[in-house]
């Protein structure tokens, strides 16, 4: 067990050393925003090289579409609410 832990520790240490630049960019973004979303993380760390790359990219694209849809829905709601407020203000009082 000790050998396995040492092996994984060394593997993690090597990976962090090799990707120091990406880690520094991630730290800078986290200092700026305190949190990042998965698509931002993918942008910072670069394209994924894991086995299920196609599924991961599809997931990232779905996240981006969902975020865009939510923004559009929020804008439509704000526009609708603004129209109601304007109509209420123009309505004559009895």
N, C-alpha and C. Protein backbone atom coordinates (compact mmCIF):
# COMPACT_ATOMS: atom_id res chain seq x y z
N UNK A 1 0.83 -1.19 0.00
CA UNK A 1 0.00 0.00 0.00
C UNK A 1 0.87 1.25 0.00
N UNK A 2 1.93 1.23 0.78
CA UNK A 2 2.83 2.37 0.85
C UNK A 2 3.48 2.63 -0.52
N UNK A 3 3.81 1.58 -1.21
CA UNK A 3 4.43 1.70 -2.53
C UNK A 3 3.44 2.33 -3.52
N UNK A 4 2.18 1.92 -3.45
CA UNK A 4 1.15 2.47 -4.33
C UNK A 4 0.96 3.96 -4.06
N UNK A 5 0.90 4.33 -2.80
CA UNK A 5 0.74 5.75 -2.45
C UNK A 5 1.93 6.57 -2.94
N UNK A 6 3.13 6.06 -2.76
CA UNK A 6 4.34 6.76 -3.21
C UNK A 6 4.33 6.90 -4.73
N UNK A 7 3.92 5.87 -5.44
CA UNK A 7 3.86 5.91 -6.90
C UNK A 7 2.88 6.99 -7.37
N UNK A 8 1.70 7.03 -6.78
CA UNK A 8 0.69 8.01 -7.18
C UNK A 8 1.10 9.43 -6.78
N UNK A 9 1.76 9.57 -5.63
CA UNK A 9 2.26 10.87 -5.20
C UNK A 9 3.27 11.39 -6.22
N UNK A 10 4.20 10.55 -6.62
CA UNK A 10 5.21 10.96 -7.60
C UNK A 10 4.59 11.27 -8.96
N UNK A 11 3.58 10.51 -9.32
CA UNK A 11 2.88 10.76 -10.59
C UNK A 11 2.19 12.12 -10.55
N UNK A 12 1.51 12.42 -9.45
CA UNK A 12 0.82 13.71 -9.31
C UNK A 12 1.83 14.86 -9.29
N UNK A 13 2.92 14.69 -8.59
CA UNK A 13 3.96 15.72 -8.50
C UNK A 13 4.54 16.00 -9.89
N UNK A 14 4.81 14.96 -10.66
CA UNK A 14 5.34 15.11 -12.01
C UNK A 14 4.35 15.84 -12.91
N UNK A 15 3.08 15.46 -12.83
CA UNK A 15 2.04 16.09 -13.64
C UNK A 15 1.92 17.57 -13.32
N UNK A 16 1.94 17.91 -12.04
CA UNK A 16 1.85 19.31 -11.65
C UNK A 16 3.06 20.10 -12.13
N UNK A 17 4.22 19.49 -12.09
CA UNK A 17 5.44 20.16 -12.57
C UNK A 17 5.37 20.38 -14.08
N UNK A 18 4.91 19.38 -14.80
CA UNK A 18 4.82 19.48 -16.26
C UNK A 18 3.80 20.52 -16.70
N UNK A 19 2.75 20.69 -15.91
CA UNK A 19 1.66 21.60 -16.29
C UNK A 19 1.62 22.84 -15.40
N UNK A 20 2.79 23.27 -14.96
CA UNK A 20 2.89 24.41 -14.05
C UNK A 20 2.25 25.67 -14.66
N UNK A 21 2.48 25.90 -15.94
CA UNK A 21 1.90 27.08 -16.60
C UNK A 21 0.38 27.08 -16.54
N UNK A 22 -0.22 25.94 -16.83
CA UNK A 22 -1.68 25.84 -16.76
C UNK A 22 -2.18 26.06 -15.34
N UNK A 23 -1.46 25.52 -14.37
CA UNK A 23 -1.86 25.69 -12.97
C UNK A 23 -1.77 27.16 -12.56
N UNK A 24 -0.75 27.87 -13.04
CA UNK A 24 -0.61 29.29 -12.72
C UNK A 24 -1.74 30.10 -13.34
N UNK A 25 -2.15 29.75 -14.57
CA UNK A 25 -3.29 30.44 -15.20
C UNK A 25 -4.58 30.15 -14.44
N UNK A 26 -4.73 28.91 -13.98
CA UNK A 26 -5.91 28.55 -13.20
C UNK A 26 -5.95 29.32 -11.88
N UNK A 27 -4.82 29.40 -11.21
CA UNK A 27 -4.75 30.16 -9.95
C UNK A 27 -5.11 31.62 -10.19
N UNK A 28 -4.57 32.21 -11.26
CA UNK A 28 -4.87 33.62 -11.57
C UNK A 28 -6.36 33.81 -11.80
N UNK A 29 -6.99 32.90 -12.54
CA UNK A 29 -8.44 33.00 -12.80
C UNK A 29 -9.24 32.84 -11.51
N UNK A 30 -8.82 31.92 -10.65
CA UNK A 30 -9.51 31.72 -9.38
C UNK A 30 -9.35 32.92 -8.45
N UNK A 31 -8.20 33.57 -8.51
CA UNK A 31 -8.01 34.79 -7.71
C UNK A 31 -8.92 35.90 -8.22
N UNK A 32 -9.15 35.92 -9.51
CA UNK A 32 -10.00 36.93 -10.13
C UNK A 32 -11.48 36.67 -9.84
N UNK A 33 -11.91 35.41 -9.97
CA UNK A 33 -13.34 35.09 -9.93
C UNK A 33 -13.77 34.23 -8.74
N UNK A 34 -12.86 33.60 -8.05
CA UNK A 34 -13.11 32.68 -6.94
C UNK A 34 -13.65 31.32 -7.38
N UNK A 35 -14.23 31.23 -8.56
CA UNK A 35 -14.68 29.92 -9.05
C UNK A 35 -14.68 29.96 -10.58
N UNK A 36 -14.56 28.80 -11.18
CA UNK A 36 -14.62 28.70 -12.63
C UNK A 36 -15.57 27.57 -12.99
N UNK A 37 -16.18 27.73 -14.15
CA UNK A 37 -17.06 26.69 -14.62
C UNK A 37 -16.26 25.71 -15.48
N UNK A 38 -16.85 24.59 -15.76
CA UNK A 38 -16.15 23.52 -16.46
C UNK A 38 -15.63 23.96 -17.82
N UNK A 39 -16.42 24.73 -18.56
CA UNK A 39 -15.95 25.18 -19.87
C UNK A 39 -14.75 26.12 -19.74
N UNK A 40 -14.73 26.96 -18.69
CA UNK A 40 -13.59 27.84 -18.45
C UNK A 40 -12.35 27.02 -18.08
N UNK A 41 -12.58 26.00 -17.28
CA UNK A 41 -11.48 25.12 -16.89
C UNK A 41 -10.89 24.44 -18.12
N UNK A 42 -11.75 24.01 -19.01
CA UNK A 42 -11.29 23.39 -20.25
C UNK A 42 -10.50 24.38 -21.10
N UNK A 43 -10.94 25.64 -21.13
CA UNK A 43 -10.21 26.67 -21.87
C UNK A 43 -8.83 26.92 -21.27
N UNK A 44 -8.73 26.92 -19.96
CA UNK A 44 -7.47 27.18 -19.27
C UNK A 44 -6.50 26.01 -19.43
N UNK A 45 -6.99 24.81 -19.23
CA UNK A 45 -6.12 23.63 -19.23
C UNK A 45 -5.86 23.07 -20.62
N UNK A 46 -6.64 23.52 -21.58
CA UNK A 46 -6.45 23.03 -22.94
C UNK A 46 -7.33 21.83 -23.22
N UNK A 47 -7.26 21.33 -24.44
CA UNK A 47 -8.12 20.21 -24.83
C UNK A 47 -7.82 18.97 -23.99
N UNK A 48 -8.86 18.25 -23.75
CA UNK A 48 -8.74 17.03 -22.95
C UNK A 48 -8.05 15.93 -23.74
N UNK A 49 -7.29 15.12 -23.03
CA UNK A 49 -6.64 13.99 -23.70
C UNK A 49 -7.06 12.66 -23.08
N UNK A 50 -8.18 12.69 -22.37
CA UNK A 50 -8.61 11.42 -21.76
C UNK A 50 -9.36 10.56 -22.76
N UNK A 51 -9.60 9.34 -22.38
CA UNK A 51 -10.14 8.31 -23.28
C UNK A 51 -11.49 8.67 -23.89
N UNK A 52 -12.31 9.36 -23.15
CA UNK A 52 -13.67 9.63 -23.58
C UNK A 52 -13.80 11.06 -24.10
N UNK A 53 -12.87 11.49 -24.93
CA UNK A 53 -12.79 12.87 -25.38
C UNK A 53 -14.06 13.34 -26.09
N UNK A 54 -14.62 12.53 -26.95
CA UNK A 54 -15.82 12.94 -27.70
C UNK A 54 -16.99 13.21 -26.75
N UNK A 55 -17.17 12.36 -25.77
CA UNK A 55 -18.26 12.56 -24.81
C UNK A 55 -18.01 13.83 -23.99
N UNK A 56 -16.76 14.06 -23.61
CA UNK A 56 -16.41 15.25 -22.84
C UNK A 56 -16.68 16.51 -23.64
N UNK A 57 -16.26 16.53 -24.91
CA UNK A 57 -16.49 17.69 -25.75
C UNK A 57 -17.98 17.94 -25.97
N UNK A 58 -18.74 16.88 -26.12
CA UNK A 58 -20.18 17.01 -26.26
C UNK A 58 -20.79 17.61 -25.00
N UNK A 59 -20.31 17.16 -23.86
CA UNK A 59 -20.77 17.69 -22.57
C UNK A 59 -20.46 19.18 -22.46
N UNK A 60 -19.25 19.59 -22.83
CA UNK A 60 -18.86 21.01 -22.79
C UNK A 60 -19.75 21.83 -23.72
N UNK A 61 -20.00 21.33 -24.92
CA UNK A 61 -20.87 22.04 -25.86
C UNK A 61 -22.28 22.16 -25.33
N UNK A 62 -22.79 21.11 -24.69
CA UNK A 62 -24.12 21.16 -24.08
C UNK A 62 -24.16 22.20 -22.96
N UNK A 63 -23.10 22.28 -22.16
CA UNK A 63 -23.04 23.28 -21.09
C UNK A 63 -23.08 24.70 -21.67
N UNK A 64 -22.32 24.93 -22.73
CA UNK A 64 -22.30 26.25 -23.36
C UNK A 64 -23.68 26.61 -23.91
N UNK A 65 -24.35 25.64 -24.55
CA UNK A 65 -25.69 25.89 -25.10
C UNK A 65 -26.68 26.19 -23.97
N UNK A 66 -26.59 25.43 -22.89
CA UNK A 66 -27.50 25.64 -21.76
C UNK A 66 -27.29 27.02 -21.15
N UNK A 67 -26.03 27.43 -21.02
CA UNK A 67 -25.71 28.75 -20.46
C UNK A 67 -26.29 29.85 -21.36
N UNK A 68 -26.14 29.70 -22.67
CA UNK A 68 -26.68 30.67 -23.63
C UNK A 68 -28.20 30.71 -23.56
N UNK A 69 -28.83 29.54 -23.51
CA UNK A 69 -30.29 29.47 -23.41
C UNK A 69 -30.79 30.15 -22.13
N UNK A 70 -30.09 29.94 -21.02
CA UNK A 70 -30.48 30.57 -19.76
C UNK A 70 -30.35 32.09 -19.83
N UNK A 71 -29.30 32.56 -20.47
CA UNK A 71 -29.10 34.01 -20.62
C UNK A 71 -30.20 34.60 -21.48
N UNK A 72 -30.55 33.92 -22.56
CA UNK A 72 -31.62 34.40 -23.44
C UNK A 72 -32.96 34.40 -22.71
N UNK A 73 -33.23 33.37 -21.92
CA UNK A 73 -34.48 33.30 -21.17
C UNK A 73 -34.55 34.42 -20.13
N UNK A 74 -33.44 34.68 -19.46
CA UNK A 74 -33.40 35.75 -18.45
C UNK A 74 -33.64 37.11 -19.11
N UNK A 75 -33.06 37.31 -20.29
CA UNK A 75 -33.26 38.58 -21.01
C UNK A 75 -34.71 38.72 -21.45
N UNK A 76 -35.30 37.65 -21.95
CA UNK A 76 -36.69 37.70 -22.38
C UNK A 76 -37.61 38.01 -21.19
N UNK A 77 -37.33 37.41 -20.04
CA UNK A 77 -38.13 37.67 -18.84
C UNK A 77 -37.98 39.11 -18.40
N UNK A 78 -36.76 39.63 -18.41
CA UNK A 78 -36.52 41.02 -18.02
C UNK A 78 -37.25 41.97 -18.97
N UNK A 79 -37.21 41.68 -20.27
CA UNK A 79 -37.91 42.51 -21.25
C UNK A 79 -39.42 42.47 -21.01
N UNK A 80 -39.94 41.30 -20.71
CA UNK A 80 -41.38 41.14 -20.45
C UNK A 80 -41.77 41.90 -19.19
N UNK A 81 -40.96 41.76 -18.12
CA UNK A 81 -41.24 42.46 -16.87
C UNK A 81 -41.17 43.97 -17.05
N UNK A 82 -40.22 44.42 -17.86
CA UNK A 82 -40.09 45.85 -18.12
C UNK A 82 -41.33 46.36 -18.86
N UNK A 83 -41.84 45.55 -19.78
CA UNK A 83 -43.06 45.93 -20.50
C UNK A 83 -44.26 46.03 -19.57
N UNK A 84 -44.37 45.12 -18.60
CA UNK A 84 -45.46 45.17 -17.62
C UNK A 84 -45.35 46.41 -16.75
N UNK A 85 -44.12 46.73 -16.31
CA UNK A 85 -43.90 47.91 -15.48
C UNK A 85 -44.27 49.18 -16.23
N UNK A 86 -43.91 49.24 -17.52
CA UNK A 86 -44.22 50.40 -18.33
C UNK A 86 -45.72 50.54 -18.53
N UNK A 87 -46.39 49.42 -18.77
CA UNK A 87 -47.85 49.44 -18.95
C UNK A 87 -48.55 49.87 -17.67
N UNK A 88 -48.07 49.42 -16.53
CA UNK A 88 -48.66 49.79 -15.25
C UNK A 88 -48.46 51.27 -14.97
N UNK A 89 -47.34 51.82 -15.35
CA UNK A 89 -47.06 53.21 -15.13
C UNK A 89 -47.92 54.11 -16.03
N UNK A 90 -48.25 53.62 -17.21
CA UNK A 90 -49.05 54.40 -18.16
C UNK A 90 -50.54 54.27 -17.89
N UNK A 91 -50.93 53.27 -17.11
CA UNK A 91 -52.35 53.04 -16.83
C UNK A 91 -52.89 54.17 -15.96
N UNK A 92 -53.99 54.77 -16.40
CA UNK A 92 -54.55 55.90 -15.60
C UNK A 92 -55.09 55.41 -14.26
N UNK A 93 -54.85 56.23 -13.24
CA UNK A 93 -55.35 55.90 -11.90
C UNK A 93 -56.76 56.45 -11.75
N UNK A 94 -57.60 55.73 -10.99
CA UNK A 94 -59.00 56.15 -10.78
C UNK A 94 -59.11 57.02 -9.57
